[in-house]
C-alpha atoms as a PDB file:
ATOM      1  CA  MET A   1     -15.305 -15.750 -38.619  1.00  0.00           C
ATOM      2  CA  ILE A   2     -18.011 -14.932 -41.149  1.00  0.00           C
ATOM      3  CA  THR A   3     -20.264 -12.804 -38.950  1.00  0.00           C
ATOM      4  CA  LYS A   4     -16.868 -10.663 -38.458  1.00  0.00           C
ATOM      5  CA  GLY A   5     -16.632 -10.641 -41.877  1.00  0.00           C
ATOM      6  CA  GLY A   6     -19.958  -8.067 -42.002  1.00  0.00           C
ATOM      7  CA  ILE A   7     -22.676 -10.846 -42.460  1.00  0.00           C
ATOM      8  CA  PRO A   8     -25.566 -11.175 -40.018  1.00  0.00           C
ATOM      9  CA  LYS A   9     -25.718 -13.652 -37.645  1.00  0.00           C
ATOM     10  CA  GLU A  10     -28.941 -15.744 -38.737  1.00  0.00           C
ATOM     11  CA  GLU A  11     -27.337 -15.530 -42.784  1.00  0.00           C
ATOM     12  CA  ALA A  12     -23.646 -16.868 -41.239  1.00  0.00           C
ATOM     13  CA  GLU A  13     -25.598 -19.498 -39.490  1.00  0.00           C
ATOM     14  CA  THR A  14     -27.182 -20.709 -42.965  1.00  0.00           C
ATOM     15  CA  ILE A  15     -23.905 -20.487 -44.700  1.00  0.00           C
ATOM     16  CA  THR A  16     -22.019 -22.357 -41.965  1.00  0.00           C
ATOM     17  CA  ASP A  17     -24.595 -25.169 -42.132  1.00  0.00           C
ATOM     18  CA  VAL A  18     -24.560 -25.419 -46.102  1.00  0.00           C
ATOM     19  CA  LEU A  19     -20.897 -25.897 -45.872  1.00  0.00           C
ATOM     20  CA  VAL A  20     -20.289 -27.931 -42.947  1.00  0.00           C
ATOM     21  CA  THR A  21     -22.971 -30.247 -44.699  1.00  0.00           C
ATOM     22  CA  GLY A  22     -21.126 -30.504 -48.088  1.00  0.00           C
ATOM     23  CA  SER A  23     -17.885 -31.339 -45.737  1.00  0.00           C
ATOM     24  CA  LEU A  24     -19.614 -34.174 -43.643  1.00  0.00           C
ATOM     25  CA  ALA A  25     -21.145 -35.609 -46.930  1.00  0.00           C
ATOM     26  CA  GLY A  26     -17.919 -35.739 -48.397  1.00  0.00           C
ATOM     27  CA  ILE A  27     -17.749 -33.045 -50.834  1.00  0.00           C
ATOM     28  CA  ASP A  28     -14.835 -31.297 -49.680  1.00  0.00           C
ATOM     29  CA  SER A  29     -14.358 -29.117 -52.755  1.00  0.00           C
ATOM     30  CA  HIS A  30     -17.531 -27.478 -51.722  1.00  0.00           C
ATOM     31  CA  GLY A  31     -17.267 -27.477 -47.997  1.00  0.00           C
ATOM     32  CA  VAL A  32     -15.939 -25.681 -44.850  1.00  0.00           C
ATOM     33  CA  ARG A  33     -12.649 -24.777 -46.773  1.00  0.00           C
ATOM     34  CA  ASN A  34     -14.585 -22.313 -48.748  1.00  0.00           C
ATOM     35  CA  ILE A  35     -15.710 -20.231 -45.336  1.00  0.00           C
ATOM     36  CA  PRO A  36     -13.142 -17.302 -46.437  1.00  0.00           C
ATOM     37  CA  VAL A  37     -15.157 -16.936 -49.139  1.00  0.00           C
ATOM     38  CA  PHE A  38     -17.970 -15.712 -47.439  1.00  0.00           C
ATOM     39  CA  SER A  39     -16.000 -14.106 -44.731  1.00  0.00           C
ATOM     40  CA  ARG A  40     -16.812 -10.501 -46.619  1.00  0.00           C
ATOM     41  CA  LYS A  41     -19.127  -7.569 -46.314  1.00  0.00           C
ATOM     42  CA  VAL A  42     -22.420  -7.720 -48.571  1.00  0.00           C
ATOM     43  CA  GLY A  43     -24.467  -5.268 -50.247  1.00  0.00           C
ATOM     44  CA  LYS A  44     -27.568  -3.561 -48.770  1.00  0.00           C
ATOM     45  CA  ARG A  45     -29.936  -4.748 -51.546  1.00  0.00           C
ATOM     46  CA  LYS A  46     -32.546  -6.946 -49.832  1.00  0.00           C
ATOM     47  CA  MET A  47     -33.773 -10.627 -51.646  1.00  0.00           C
ATOM     48  CA  LYS A  48     -37.290  -9.858 -52.826  1.00  0.00           C
ATOM     49  CA  ILE A  49     -39.731 -11.762 -55.231  1.00  0.00           C
ATOM     50  CA  ALA A  50     -39.479 -10.077 -58.608  1.00  0.00           C
ATOM     51  CA  LYS A  51     -42.664 -12.286 -60.007  1.00  0.00           C
ATOM     52  CA  GLU A  52     -45.180 -14.482 -58.971  1.00  0.00           C
ATOM     53  CA  ARG A  53     -47.815 -16.974 -60.024  1.00  0.00           C
ATOM     54  CA  VAL A  54     -49.508 -19.581 -58.517  1.00  0.00           C
ATOM     55  CA  ALA A  55     -47.045 -22.315 -58.777  1.00  0.00           C
ATOM     56  CA  THR A  56     -43.955 -20.028 -59.469  1.00  0.00           C
ATOM     57  CA  ILE A  57     -41.341 -17.598 -58.575  1.00  0.00           C
ATOM     58  CA  LEU A  58     -38.941 -15.535 -59.839  1.00  0.00           C
ATOM     59  CA  LEU A  59     -36.495 -14.550 -57.070  1.00  0.00           C
ATOM     60  CA  ASP A  60     -34.406 -11.439 -56.604  1.00  0.00           C
ATOM     61  CA  PRO A  61     -31.267 -12.109 -54.535  1.00  0.00           C
ATOM     62  CA  GLY A  62     -30.202  -8.717 -54.096  1.00  0.00           C
ATOM     63  CA  ASP A  63     -26.893  -8.962 -52.361  1.00  0.00           C
ATOM     64  CA  ALA A  64     -27.567 -11.860 -50.397  1.00  0.00           C
ATOM     65  CA  PRO A  65     -24.791 -14.690 -50.051  1.00  0.00           C
ATOM     66  CA  GLY A  66     -25.341 -17.919 -52.317  1.00  0.00           C
ATOM     67  CA  PRO A  67     -26.436 -20.179 -49.768  1.00  0.00           C
ATOM     68  CA  VAL A  68     -28.728 -17.786 -48.225  1.00  0.00           C
ATOM     69  CA  VAL A  69     -30.675 -17.340 -51.601  1.00  0.00           C
ATOM     70  CA  GLY A  70     -30.593 -21.055 -52.477  1.00  0.00           C
ATOM     71  CA  ARG A  71     -31.943 -22.207 -48.989  1.00  0.00           C
ATOM     72  CA  TYR A  72     -34.704 -19.671 -49.069  1.00  0.00           C
ATOM     73  CA  ALA A  73     -35.708 -20.580 -52.734  1.00  0.00           C
ATOM     74  CA  MET A  74     -35.976 -24.097 -51.842  1.00  0.00           C
ATOM     75  CA  LYS A  75     -38.248 -23.262 -48.451  1.00  0.00           C
ATOM     76  CA  LEU A  76     -40.344 -21.086 -50.990  1.00  0.00           C
ATOM     77  CA  ALA A  77     -40.523 -23.795 -53.399  1.00  0.00           C
ATOM     78  CA  ILE A  78     -41.615 -26.486 -50.814  1.00  0.00           C
ATOM     79  CA  ARG A  79     -44.191 -24.313 -49.235  1.00  0.00           C
ATOM     80  CA  LYS A  80     -45.705 -23.544 -52.655  1.00  0.00           C
ATOM     81  CA  ALA A  81     -45.547 -27.435 -53.788  1.00  0.00           C
ATOM     82  CA  ARG A  82     -47.487 -28.140 -50.469  1.00  0.00           C
ATOM     83  CA  ARG A  83     -50.404 -26.049 -52.123  1.00  0.00           C
ATOM     84  CA  THR A  84     -50.074 -26.772 -55.763  1.00  0.00           C
ATOM     85  CA  GLY A  85     -48.668 -30.115 -55.770  1.00  0.00           C
ATOM     86  CA  VAL A  86     -45.811 -28.854 -58.181  1.00  0.00           C
ATOM     87  CA  SER A  87     -44.076 -25.872 -57.984  1.00  0.00           C
ATOM     88  CA  CYS A  88     -41.101 -24.048 -59.758  1.00  0.00           C
ATOM     89  CA  VAL A  89     -38.621 -21.151 -58.176  1.00  0.00           C
ATOM     90  CA  SER A  90     -35.821 -19.439 -59.979  1.00  0.00           C
ATOM     91  CA  ILE A  91     -33.327 -16.871 -58.868  1.00  0.00           C
ATOM     92  CA  LYS A  92     -32.665 -14.143 -60.900  1.00  0.00           C
ATOM     93  CA  GLY A  93     -29.019 -14.071 -60.396  1.00  0.00           C
ATOM     94  CA  GLY A  94     -26.914 -14.648 -57.451  1.00  0.00           C
ATOM     95  CA  ASP A  95     -23.430 -15.474 -55.906  1.00  0.00           C
ATOM     96  CA  TRP A  96     -21.901 -19.341 -55.419  1.00  0.00           C
ATOM     97  CA  LEU A  97     -24.571 -21.565 -54.183  1.00  0.00           C
ATOM     98  CA  THR A  98     -22.125 -24.150 -53.255  1.00  0.00           C
ATOM     99  CA  ASN A  99     -22.984 -27.746 -52.943  1.00  0.00           C
ATOM    100  CA  LEU A 100     -26.630 -28.588 -54.425  1.00  0.00           C
ATOM    101  CA  PHE A 101     -26.639 -31.618 -52.084  1.00  0.00           C
ATOM    102  CA  TYR A 102     -28.075 -29.400 -49.792  1.00  0.00           C
ATOM    103  CA  TYR A 103     -30.793 -27.954 -51.510  1.00  0.00           C
ATOM    104  CA  ALA A 104     -31.951 -31.112 -52.983  1.00  0.00           C
ATOM    105  CA  LEU A 105     -31.960 -33.142 -49.489  1.00  0.00           C
ATOM    106  CA  MET A 106     -33.748 -30.347 -48.180  1.00  0.00           C
ATOM    107  CA  ALA A 107     -37.287 -31.263 -50.474  1.00  0.00           C
ATOM    108  CA  ALA A 108     -36.538 -34.742 -49.866  1.00  0.00           C
ATOM    109  CA  ARG A 109     -36.830 -34.316 -45.722  1.00  0.00           C
ATOM    110  CA  GLU A 110     -40.108 -32.830 -46.620  1.00  0.00           C
ATOM    111  CA  ASP A 111     -41.667 -35.855 -48.495  1.00  0.00           C
ATOM    112  CA  MET A 112     -41.017 -34.327 -51.873  1.00  0.00           C
ATOM    113  CA  ILE A 113     -39.141 -34.700 -54.999  1.00  0.00           C
ATOM    114  CA  SER A 114     -36.405 -31.938 -56.437  1.00  0.00           C
ATOM    115  CA  LEU A 115     -34.907 -31.359 -59.787  1.00  0.00           C
ATOM    116  CA  ILE A 116     -32.384 -28.594 -59.637  1.00  0.00           C
ATOM    117  CA  PHE A 117     -30.593 -26.802 -62.533  1.00  0.00           C
ATOM    118  CA  VAL A 118     -27.761 -24.194 -61.940  1.00  0.00           C
ATOM    119  CA  ARG A 119     -25.997 -22.077 -64.734  1.00  0.00           C
ATOM    120  CA  ALA A 120     -22.737 -21.718 -63.289  1.00  0.00           C
ATOM    121  CA  SER A 121     -20.160 -19.258 -64.563  1.00  0.00           C
ATOM    122  CA  PRO A 122     -17.699 -18.256 -66.219  1.00  0.00           C
ATOM    123  CA  PRO A 123     -17.481 -20.696 -69.256  1.00  0.00           C
ATOM    124  CA  VAL A 124     -15.137 -23.458 -68.546  1.00  0.00           C
ATOM    125  CA  THR A 125     -16.722 -26.521 -70.506  1.00  0.00           C
ATOM    126  CA  ALA A 126     -16.150 -26.919 -74.018  1.00  0.00           C
ATOM    127  CA  PRO A 127     -19.331 -28.584 -75.993  1.00  0.00           C
ATOM    128  CA  TRP A 128     -19.104 -31.798 -77.411  1.00  0.00           C
ATOM    129  CA  GLY A 129     -17.229 -31.570 -80.836  1.00  0.00           C
ATOM    130  CA  GLY A 130     -16.074 -28.276 -79.739  1.00  0.00           C
ATOM    131  CA  ALA A 131     -12.724 -26.432 -78.888  1.00  0.00           C
ATOM    132  CA  LYS A 132     -13.578 -23.791 -76.793  1.00  0.00           C
ATOM    133  CA  ALA A 133     -15.269 -23.378 -73.439  1.00  0.00           C
ATOM    134  CA  VAL A 134     -18.846 -22.076 -73.603  1.00  0.00           C
ATOM    135  CA  THR A 135     -20.608 -23.234 -70.584  1.00  0.00           C
ATOM    136  CA  GLY A 136     -20.034 -23.630 -67.068  1.00  0.00           C
ATOM    137  CA  THR A 137     -19.290 -26.668 -64.873  1.00  0.00           C
ATOM    138  CA  ASP A 138     -23.335 -26.196 -64.536  1.00  0.00           C
ATOM    139  CA  PRO A 139     -24.512 -28.568 -62.018  1.00  0.00           C
ATOM    140  CA  ILE A 140     -27.808 -30.151 -61.583  1.00  0.00           C
ATOM    141  CA  ALA A 141     -29.351 -32.065 -58.814  1.00  0.00           C
ATOM    142  CA  PHE A 142     -32.212 -34.038 -57.802  1.00  0.00           C
ATOM    143  CA  SER A 143     -33.769 -36.030 -54.471  1.00  0.00           C
ATOM    144  CA  ILE A 144     -36.426 -38.636 -54.250  1.00  0.00           C
ATOM    145  CA  PRO A 145     -37.791 -39.572 -50.677  1.00  0.00           C
ATOM    146  CA  ALA A 146     -37.556 -42.944 -49.072  1.00  0.00           C
ATOM    147  CA  GLY A 147     -38.502 -45.026 -46.353  1.00  0.00           C
ATOM    148  CA  LYS A 148     -36.316 -47.094 -44.837  1.00  0.00           C
ATOM    149  CA  SER A 149     -33.217 -46.412 -47.287  1.00  0.00           C
ATOM    150  CA  TYR A 150     -31.223 -43.206 -47.646  1.00  0.00           C
ATOM    151  CA  PRO A 151     -33.036 -40.779 -49.796  1.00  0.00           C
ATOM    152  CA  ILE A 152     -32.111 -41.105 -53.470  1.00  0.00           C
ATOM    153  CA  VAL A 153     -29.860 -37.599 -53.896  1.00  0.00           C
ATOM    154  CA  MET A 154     -27.544 -36.823 -56.714  1.00  0.00           C
ATOM    155  CA  ASP A 155     -25.764 -33.263 -57.421  1.00  0.00           C
ATOM    156  CA  PHE A 156     -23.413 -33.428 -60.097  1.00  0.00           C
ATOM    157  CA  ALA A 157     -21.458 -31.302 -62.366  1.00  0.00           C
ATOM    158  CA  THR A 158     -22.647 -31.520 -66.108  1.00  0.00           C
ATOM    159  CA  SER A 159     -18.596 -31.108 -66.791  1.00  0.00           C
ATOM    160  CA  ILE A 160     -17.036 -34.131 -66.755  1.00  0.00           C
ATOM    161  CA  VAL A 161     -15.841 -33.031 -63.075  1.00  0.00           C
ATOM    162  CA  ALA A 162     -16.624 -30.371 -60.765  1.00  0.00           C
ATOM    163  CA  GLY A 163     -14.161 -27.250 -61.222  1.00  0.00           C
ATOM    164  CA  GLN A 164     -13.922 -26.923 -57.498  1.00  0.00           C
ATOM    165  CA  HIS A 165     -12.979 -30.606 -57.440  1.00  0.00           C
ATOM    166  CA  THR A 166     -10.014 -30.021 -59.908  1.00  0.00           C
ATOM    167  CA  LYS A 167      -8.701 -27.357 -57.298  1.00  0.00           C
ATOM    168  CA  THR A 168      -9.282 -30.317 -54.392  1.00  0.00           C
ATOM    169  CA  MET A 169      -7.112 -32.413 -56.305  1.00  0.00           C
ATOM    170  CA  SER A 170      -4.463 -29.867 -57.162  1.00  0.00           C
ATOM    171  CA  LEU A 171      -4.238 -29.269 -53.222  1.00  0.00           C
ATOM    172  CA  MET A 172      -3.592 -32.402 -52.310  1.00  0.00           C
ATOM    173  CA  GLY A 173      -1.138 -33.339 -55.146  1.00  0.00           C
ATOM    174  CA  GLN A 174      -3.552 -35.619 -57.412  1.00  0.00           C
ATOM    175  CA  PRO A 175      -3.190 -35.401 -61.117  1.00  0.00           C
ATOM    176  CA  PHE A 176      -5.656 -34.990 -63.412  1.00  0.00           C
ATOM    177  CA  PRO A 177      -6.455 -37.887 -65.778  1.00  0.00           C
ATOM    178  CA  ALA A 178      -5.718 -37.844 -69.282  1.00  0.00           C
ATOM    179  CA  GLY A 179      -9.221 -36.678 -71.142  1.00  0.00           C
ATOM    180  CA  TRP A 180     -10.977 -34.387 -68.416  1.00  0.00           C
ATOM    181  CA  PHE A 181      -9.364 -31.274 -70.396  1.00  0.00           C
ATOM    182  CA  ILE A 182      -8.899 -30.212 -73.786  1.00  0.00           C
ATOM    183  CA  ASP A 183      -6.352 -27.542 -74.745  1.00  0.00           C
ATOM    184  CA  LYS A 184      -7.219 -24.389 -77.204  1.00  0.00           C
ATOM    185  CA  ASN A 185      -6.313 -26.527 -80.137  1.00  0.00           C
ATOM    186  CA  GLY A 186      -8.958 -29.321 -79.161  1.00  0.00           C
ATOM    187  CA  LYS A 187      -6.489 -31.758 -77.915  1.00  0.00           C
ATOM    188  CA  THR A 188      -6.669 -33.704 -74.740  1.00  0.00           C
ATOM    189  CA  VAL A 189      -4.660 -32.868 -72.114  1.00  0.00           C
ATOM    190  CA  PRO A 190      -2.576 -35.989 -71.084  1.00  0.00           C
ATOM    191  CA  GLU A 191      -2.506 -36.839 -67.348  1.00  0.00           C
ATOM    192  CA  ILE A 192      -0.723 -33.914 -65.519  1.00  0.00           C
ATOM    193  CA  LEU A 193      -0.119 -32.770 -61.933  1.00  0.00           C
ATOM    194  CA  VAL A 194      -0.983 -29.000 -61.816  1.00  0.00           C
ATOM    195  CA  PRO A 195       0.439 -27.165 -58.258  1.00  0.00           C
ATOM    196  CA  PRO A 196      -2.117 -25.068 -56.430  1.00  0.00           C
ATOM    197  CA  GLN A 197      -0.270 -21.800 -57.488  1.00  0.00           C
ATOM    198  CA  ASP A 198      -0.870 -22.872 -61.144  1.00  0.00           C
ATOM    199  CA  TRP A 199      -4.358 -24.041 -60.863  1.00  0.00           C
ATOM    200  CA  GLN A 200      -6.389 -20.830 -61.758  1.00  0.00           C
ATOM    201  CA  LYS A 201      -3.904 -20.164 -65.107  1.00  0.00           C
ATOM    202  CA  PHE A 202      -4.481 -23.769 -66.125  1.00  0.00           C
ATOM    203  CA  ILE A 203      -8.210 -23.532 -65.610  1.00  0.00           C
ATOM    204  CA  SER A 204      -8.278 -20.591 -67.705  1.00  0.00           C
ATOM    205  CA  GLU A 205      -6.239 -21.909 -70.500  1.00  0.00           C
ATOM    206  CA  ASN A 206      -7.751 -25.142 -71.017  1.00  0.00           C
ATOM    207  CA  ALA A 207     -11.492 -26.327 -71.062  1.00  0.00           C
ATOM    208  CA  LEU A 208     -13.048 -29.026 -69.622  1.00  0.00           C
ATOM    209  CA  ASN A 209     -14.980 -32.134 -71.563  1.00  0.00           C
ATOM    210  CA  VAL A 210     -18.512 -32.676 -70.760  1.00  0.00           C
ATOM    211  CA  PHE A 211     -19.601 -35.925 -69.199  1.00  0.00           C
ATOM    212  CA  GLY A 212     -21.389 -38.710 -70.893  1.00  0.00           C
ATOM    213  CA  THR A 213     -19.977 -37.385 -74.168  1.00  0.00           C
ATOM    214  CA  TYR A 214     -22.802 -36.402 -76.535  1.00  0.00           C
ATOM    215  CA  LYS A 215     -25.949 -37.517 -73.971  1.00  0.00           C
ATOM    216  CA  GLY A 216     -24.133 -35.475 -70.880  1.00  0.00           C
ATOM    217  CA  TYR A 217     -23.489 -32.753 -73.685  1.00  0.00           C
ATOM    218  CA  GLY A 218     -27.259 -32.633 -74.218  1.00  0.00           C
ATOM    219  CA  ILE A 219     -27.981 -32.384 -70.356  1.00  0.00           C
ATOM    220  CA  ALA A 220     -25.416 -29.591 -70.182  1.00  0.00           C
ATOM    221  CA  VAL A 221     -27.070 -27.466 -72.707  1.00  0.00           C
ATOM    222  CA  ALA A 222     -30.440 -27.882 -70.903  1.00  0.00           C
ATOM    223  CA  THR A 223     -29.025 -26.978 -67.715  1.00  0.00           C
ATOM    224  CA  GLU A 224     -27.521 -23.642 -69.291  1.00  0.00           C
ATOM    225  CA  LEU A 225     -30.686 -22.800 -70.386  1.00  0.00           C
ATOM    226  CA  MET A 226     -33.001 -23.799 -67.689  1.00  0.00           C
ATOM    227  CA  GLY A 227     -30.775 -22.348 -65.103  1.00  0.00           C
ATOM    228  CA  GLY A 228     -29.478 -19.308 -66.882  1.00  0.00           C
ATOM    229  CA  ALA A 229     -32.034 -18.188 -69.644  1.00  0.00           C
ATOM    230  CA  LEU A 230     -35.422 -19.076 -67.664  1.00  0.00           C
ATOM    231  CA  SER A 231     -34.105 -16.895 -64.416  1.00  0.00           C
ATOM    232  CA  MET A 232     -33.178 -14.082 -66.816  1.00  0.00           C
ATOM    233  CA  VAL A 233     -29.653 -14.235 -65.612  1.00  0.00           C
ATOM    234  CA  GLY A 234     -28.154 -15.193 -69.210  1.00  0.00           C
ATOM    235  CA  THR A 235     -25.947 -17.702 -70.638  1.00  0.00           C
ATOM    236  CA  VAL A 236     -22.172 -18.078 -71.493  1.00  0.00           C
ATOM    237  CA  ASN A 237     -20.403 -14.986 -70.775  1.00  0.00           C
ATOM    238  CA  ARG A 238     -23.094 -12.908 -71.090  1.00  0.00           C
ATOM    239  CA  SER A 239     -23.166 -12.615 -66.784  1.00  0.00           C
ATOM    240  CA  GLN A 240     -21.004 -13.369 -64.040  1.00  0.00           C
ATOM    241  CA  LYS A 241     -23.716 -14.668 -61.944  1.00  0.00           C
ATOM    242  CA  GLN A 242     -25.288 -17.792 -61.019  1.00  0.00           C
ATOM    243  CA  GLY A 243     -28.731 -18.907 -62.242  1.00  0.00           C
ATOM    244  CA  PHE A 244     -31.086 -21.385 -60.284  1.00  0.00           C
ATOM    245  CA  THR A 245     -34.261 -23.235 -61.307  1.00  0.00           C
ATOM    246  CA  ALA A 246     -35.737 -25.879 -59.352  1.00  0.00           C
ATOM    247  CA  VAL A 247     -38.923 -28.148 -59.570  1.00  0.00           C
ATOM    248  CA  VAL A 248     -40.520 -29.263 -56.325  1.00  0.00           C
ATOM    249  CA  MET A 249     -43.197 -32.002 -56.370  1.00  0.00           C
ATOM    250  CA  ASP A 250     -45.247 -33.102 -53.348  1.00  0.00           C
ATOM    251  CA  VAL A 251     -45.459 -36.686 -53.722  1.00  0.00           C
ATOM    252  CA  SER A 252     -48.402 -36.820 -51.828  1.00  0.00           C
ATOM    253  CA  ALA A 253     -50.475 -34.923 -54.650  1.00  0.00           C
ATOM    254  CA  PHE A 254     -49.731 -38.055 -56.806  1.00  0.00           C
ATOM    255  CA  SER A 255     -49.352 -40.806 -54.391  1.00  0.00           C
ATOM    256  CA  PRO A 256     -49.808 -41.636 -50.667  1.00  0.00           C
ATOM    257  CA  ILE A 257     -46.430 -40.894 -49.569  1.00  0.00           C
ATOM    258  CA  LYS A 258     -46.536 -44.250 -47.424  1.00  0.00           C
ATOM    259  CA  GLU A 259     -47.038 -46.636 -50.637  1.00  0.00           C
ATOM    260  CA  PHE A 260     -44.493 -44.352 -52.278  1.00  0.00           C
ATOM    261  CA  LYS A 261     -41.472 -44.891 -49.987  1.00  0.00           C
ATOM    262  CA  LYS A 262     -42.266 -48.393 -49.787  1.00  0.00           C
ATOM    263  CA  GLU A 263     -41.754 -48.889 -53.351  1.00  0.00           C
ATOM    264  CA  VAL A 264     -39.141 -46.956 -53.478  1.00  0.00           C
ATOM    265  CA  ASP A 265     -37.479 -49.065 -50.814  1.00  0.00           C
ATOM    266  CA  ARG A 266     -38.260 -52.156 -53.092  1.00  0.00           C
ATOM    267  CA  PHE A 267     -36.480 -50.690 -55.902  1.00  0.00           C
ATOM    268  CA  VAL A 268     -33.172 -49.945 -53.724  1.00  0.00           C
ATOM    269  CA  ARG A 269     -33.433 -53.662 -52.566  1.00  0.00           C
ATOM    270  CA  ASP A 270     -33.760 -54.720 -55.621  1.00  0.00           C
ATOM    271  CA  VAL A 271     -31.079 -52.368 -57.276  1.00  0.00           C
ATOM    272  CA  LYS A 272     -28.601 -54.018 -54.331  1.00  0.00           C
ATOM    273  CA  SER A 273     -29.375 -57.282 -54.879  1.00  0.00           C
ATOM    274  CA  SER A 274     -27.745 -57.416 -58.611  1.00  0.00           C
ATOM    275  CA  PRO A 275     -24.556 -59.325 -58.725  1.00  0.00           C
ATOM    276  CA  VAL A 276     -21.459 -57.032 -58.459  1.00  0.00           C
ATOM    277  CA  ARG A 277     -19.020 -56.839 -61.324  1.00  0.00           C
ATOM    278  CA  GLU A 278     -15.574 -57.471 -61.219  1.00  0.00           C
ATOM    279  CA  GLY A 279     -13.563 -54.617 -59.808  1.00  0.00           C
ATOM    280  CA  PHE A 280     -16.533 -53.512 -57.491  1.00  0.00           C
ATOM    281  CA  GLU A 281     -16.994 -53.882 -54.135  1.00  0.00           C
ATOM    282  CA  GLU A 282     -20.821 -53.415 -53.972  1.00  0.00           C
ATOM    283  CA  VAL A 283     -23.768 -51.670 -55.895  1.00  0.00           C
ATOM    284  CA  ILE A 284     -24.991 -48.198 -54.532  1.00  0.00           C
ATOM    285  CA  LEU A 285     -27.326 -45.837 -54.957  1.00  0.00           C
ATOM    286  CA  PRO A 286     -27.187 -42.239 -55.625  1.00  0.00           C
ATOM    287  CA  GLY A 287     -26.474 -40.334 -52.371  1.00  0.00           C
ATOM    288  CA  GLU A 288     -25.524 -43.566 -50.430  1.00  0.00           C
ATOM    289  CA  LYS A 289     -21.744 -42.709 -50.606  1.00  0.00           C
ATOM    290  CA  GLU A 290     -22.537 -39.458 -49.314  1.00  0.00           C
ATOM    291  CA  PHE A 291     -25.075 -40.465 -46.173  1.00  0.00           C
ATOM    292  CA  ARG A 292     -22.038 -42.934 -45.481  1.00  0.00           C
ATOM    293  CA  MET A 293     -19.836 -40.657 -44.909  1.00  0.00           C
ATOM    294  CA  MET A 294     -21.875 -38.030 -43.151  1.00  0.00           C
ATOM    295  CA  ARG A 295     -22.394 -40.995 -40.298  1.00  0.00           C
ATOM    296  CA  ARG A 296     -18.510 -41.201 -40.492  1.00  0.00           C
ATOM    297  CA  ARG A 297     -17.577 -37.421 -40.293  1.00  0.00           C
ATOM    298  CA  LYS A 298     -20.016 -36.689 -37.300  1.00  0.00           C
ATOM    299  CA  LYS A 299     -17.905 -39.285 -35.194  1.00  0.00           C
ATOM    300  CA  GLU A 300     -14.055 -38.509 -36.782  1.00  0.00           C
ATOM    301  CA  GLY A 301     -14.571 -35.049 -37.771  1.00  0.00           C
ATOM    302  CA  ILE A 302     -13.918 -32.938 -40.886  1.00  0.00           C
ATOM    303  CA  PRO A 303     -10.481 -33.218 -42.381  1.00  0.00           C
ATOM    304  CA  ILE A 304      -9.241 -30.301 -43.965  1.00  0.00           C
ATOM    305  CA  ASP A 305      -6.106 -29.998 -46.363  1.00  0.00           C
ATOM    306  CA  ASP A 306      -2.999 -27.789 -45.179  1.00  0.00           C
ATOM    307  CA  TYR A 307      -3.480 -25.260 -47.952  1.00  0.00           C
ATOM    308  CA  SER A 308      -7.173 -24.775 -47.043  1.00  0.00           C
ATOM    309  CA  TRP A 309      -6.114 -24.234 -43.355  1.00  0.00           C
ATOM    310  CA  ARG A 310      -3.491 -21.654 -43.809  1.00  0.00           C
ATOM    311  CA  THR A 311      -5.969 -19.782 -46.059  1.00  0.00           C
ATOM    312  CA  ILE A 312      -8.651 -19.876 -43.188  1.00  0.00           C
ATOM    313  CA  THR A 313      -6.122 -18.989 -40.221  1.00  0.00           C
ATOM    314  CA  LYS A 314      -4.973 -16.145 -42.414  1.00  0.00           C
ATOM    315  CA  LYS A 315      -8.143 -14.685 -42.926  1.00  0.00           C
ATOM    316  CA  CYS A 316      -8.993 -15.229 -39.323  1.00  0.00           C
ATOM    317  CA  GLU A 317      -5.367 -13.217 -38.662  1.00  0.00           C
ATOM    318  CA  GLU A 318      -6.797 -10.250 -40.797  1.00  0.00           C
ATOM    319  CA  LEU A 319     -10.040 -10.247 -38.895  1.00  0.00           C
ATOM    320  CA  GLY A 320      -8.161  -9.877 -35.654  1.00  0.00           C
ATOM    321  CA  MET A 321      -9.365 -13.733 -34.527  1.00  0.00           C
ATOM    322  CA  ASP A 322      -7.372 -16.591 -33.310  1.00  0.00           C
ATOM    323  CA  ALA A 323      -7.945 -19.751 -35.352  1.00  0.00           C
ATOM    324  CA  VAL A 324      -5.960 -22.087 -33.259  1.00  0.00           C
ATOM    325  CA  ARG A 325      -7.326 -20.884 -29.721  1.00  0.00           C
ATOM    326  CA  ILE A 326     -10.772 -21.115 -31.287  1.00  0.00           C
ATOM    327  CA  MET A 327     -10.627 -24.739 -32.508  1.00  0.00           C
ATOM    328  CA  GLN A 328      -8.957 -25.476 -29.269  1.00  0.00           C
ATOM    329  CA  ARG A 329     -12.239 -24.101 -27.165  1.00  0.00           C
ATOM    330  CA  SER A 330     -14.418 -25.877 -29.921  1.00  0.00           C
ATOM    331  CA  ALA A 331     -12.671 -29.007 -29.475  1.00  0.00           C
ATOM    332  CA  PHE A 332     -13.237 -28.934 -25.650  1.00  0.00           C
ATOM    333  CA  SER A 333     -16.662 -27.806 -25.703  1.00  0.00           C
ATOM    334  CA  SER A 334     -17.466 -30.764 -27.969  1.00  0.00           C
ATOM    335  CA  SER A 335     -15.675 -33.215 -25.743  1.00  0.00           C
ATOM    336  CA  ALA A 336     -17.221 -31.925 -22.712  1.00  0.00           C
ATOM    337  CA  GLY A 337     -20.596 -32.040 -24.004  1.00  0.00           C
END
């Protein structure tokens, strides 16, 4: 479907890989249901390096799709970190990158540590103590490689919840808990069920809270500036583009990788040996839930809600494609293989 919309095959494969990885990890809000978003023609302006020093790059994304730019930026950061020990790559504005889990995992798989800041638009999150949306959901991600354990990977919005996750909840008929949103007067919005057709209006009329009260607010401020000001894309509502800054560290520049991974594994064992608190089933590490879900969904498949499936099939019809026939053929090929 993506190539049918006008995107080159190689770029379409990257987009698909990013979206499928998101869904496999259980990040459905940033997964395959967004395929129609990328089934559109793009401009002819190519990616290029706008500024470069020994350990840094400012990347001009041109008109390339967000996932394509994000993957390329991380490849550049990893390549530089191999030579310099630490690198930093910033994207000078671009389209929606979708899940940061994918890009953080790229670094972990190369025995590197990553820290990623993204300035997301438009403003939907109120500052701590404020009543008006100023920042975006502004996600942050990090990754740390491990030995026998799963890599430590975290990808989260600095708002109390990702905006796209609220859309997923709306599609699934799940109410938003009290305290997630505040209205234009700064009053807490009580628990509310928002139908899919009213989701966009609700989001525009109310503001998300930050996570973690004033501490989460501080992280949101840093993310907005690291992702927006440093990349020159701007902050608040001065641009409708996303800003991205990734810092990548080659573990071997500091510590023998085997020893580092052994220590991470020891740490994981220490954390998981903690007595389980009442109301919890076990103690897990950041990313563990996602990696478990990936194993499960690779066997059982990726679920998709009816609304998103209708959106996909409608887009297929617009492009002259038979979605049902394609799915049946894919299922047959999978079982035959």
